[in-house]
Amino acid sequence: MEREAKKKVFVLCIENRHCDDLEKRKLYQVIPDDEAAKEGYLRVIDESGEDYLYPESYFVYVELPREAQEALQAAT
């Protein structure tokens, strides 16, 4: 049985105060982390290539067209 690819979630950075590894106006992939979300944080893969927690208020969720989602999923 084939596994269905999970839809990846992306956010747009709108703030990067005190965060050298975030760039404003750039998309970042969200890594699910329920415990972090309860505290108001998102786990994202930042410019270092690693996943770290950042305040959720630094981002807005974006709904990408299907073609963009496929292109980003193929690139990772």
Protein backbone atom coordinates (compact mmCIF):
# COMPACT_ATOMS: atom_id res chain seq x y z
CA MET A 1 0.00 0.00 0.00
CA GLU A 2 1.37 3.44 -0.90
CA ARG A 3 1.73 6.00 1.83
CA GLU A 4 0.00 9.27 1.08
CA ALA A 5 2.38 12.23 1.27
CA LYS A 6 1.54 14.45 4.21
CA LYS A 7 0.71 18.02 3.31
CA LYS A 8 3.47 20.31 4.48
CA VAL A 9 2.59 23.53 6.25
CA PHE A 10 4.39 26.77 5.46
CA VAL A 11 4.51 30.16 7.15
CA LEU A 12 5.74 33.58 6.05
CA CYS A 13 8.15 35.34 8.40
CA ILE A 14 6.92 38.84 9.29
CA GLU A 15 9.27 39.51 12.24
CA ASN A 16 12.79 38.42 13.13
CA ARG A 17 13.77 40.44 16.21
CA HIS A 18 16.76 38.82 17.94
CA CYS A 19 16.69 35.91 15.46
CA ASP A 20 19.72 35.79 13.17
CA ASP A 21 18.47 32.63 11.46
CA LEU A 22 15.17 34.07 10.19
CA GLU A 23 14.62 36.34 7.19
CA LYS A 24 11.56 38.57 6.87
CA ARG A 25 9.34 37.88 3.86
CA LYS A 26 10.64 34.32 3.49
CA LEU A 27 8.67 31.06 3.63
CA TYR A 28 9.55 28.47 6.27
CA GLN A 29 8.32 24.91 6.71
CA VAL A 30 6.56 24.15 9.98
CA ILE A 31 7.41 20.95 11.86
CA PRO A 32 4.43 19.73 13.93
CA ASP A 33 5.04 20.23 17.68
CA ASP A 34 1.87 20.23 19.77
CA GLU A 35 3.66 21.06 23.03
CA ALA A 36 5.35 24.11 21.50
CA ALA A 37 2.05 25.27 19.99
CA LYS A 38 0.41 25.21 23.44
CA GLU A 39 3.05 27.73 24.56
CA GLY A 40 2.63 29.98 21.49
CA TYR A 41 5.66 28.76 19.52
CA LEU A 42 6.20 27.21 16.11
CA ARG A 43 8.96 24.79 15.22
CA VAL A 44 10.35 25.82 11.84
CA ILE A 45 13.34 24.87 9.72
CA ASP A 46 15.35 28.09 9.73
CA GLU A 47 18.34 29.38 7.74
CA SER A 48 20.70 27.09 9.66
CA GLY A 49 18.85 24.11 8.15
CA GLU A 50 17.82 22.92 11.60
CA ASP A 51 14.43 23.13 13.29
CA TYR A 52 14.04 25.56 16.19
CA LEU A 53 11.22 27.15 18.15
CA TYR A 54 10.19 30.72 17.41
CA PRO A 55 7.24 32.84 18.61
CA GLU A 56 4.18 32.11 16.53
CA SER A 57 3.60 35.88 16.27
CA TYR A 58 6.69 36.09 14.00
CA PHE A 59 4.80 34.28 11.24
CA VAL A 60 1.57 34.12 9.27
CA TYR A 61 0.28 30.88 7.78
CA VAL A 62 0.06 30.77 4.00
CA GLU A 63 -2.07 28.57 1.77
CA LEU A 64 -0.04 27.80 -1.31
CA PRO A 65 -1.43 26.81 -4.70
CA ARG A 66 -1.20 23.09 -5.42
CA GLU A 67 1.63 23.61 -7.93
CA ALA A 68 3.73 25.51 -5.36
CA GLN A 69 3.11 22.85 -2.70
CA GLU A 70 4.22 20.12 -5.10
CA ALA A 71 7.33 22.05 -6.11
CA LEU A 72 8.32 22.67 -2.48
CA GLN A 73 7.67 19.05 -1.51
CA ALA A 74 9.77 17.80 -4.42
CA ALA A 75 12.62 20.11 -3.39
CA THR A 76 12.93 18.64 0.12
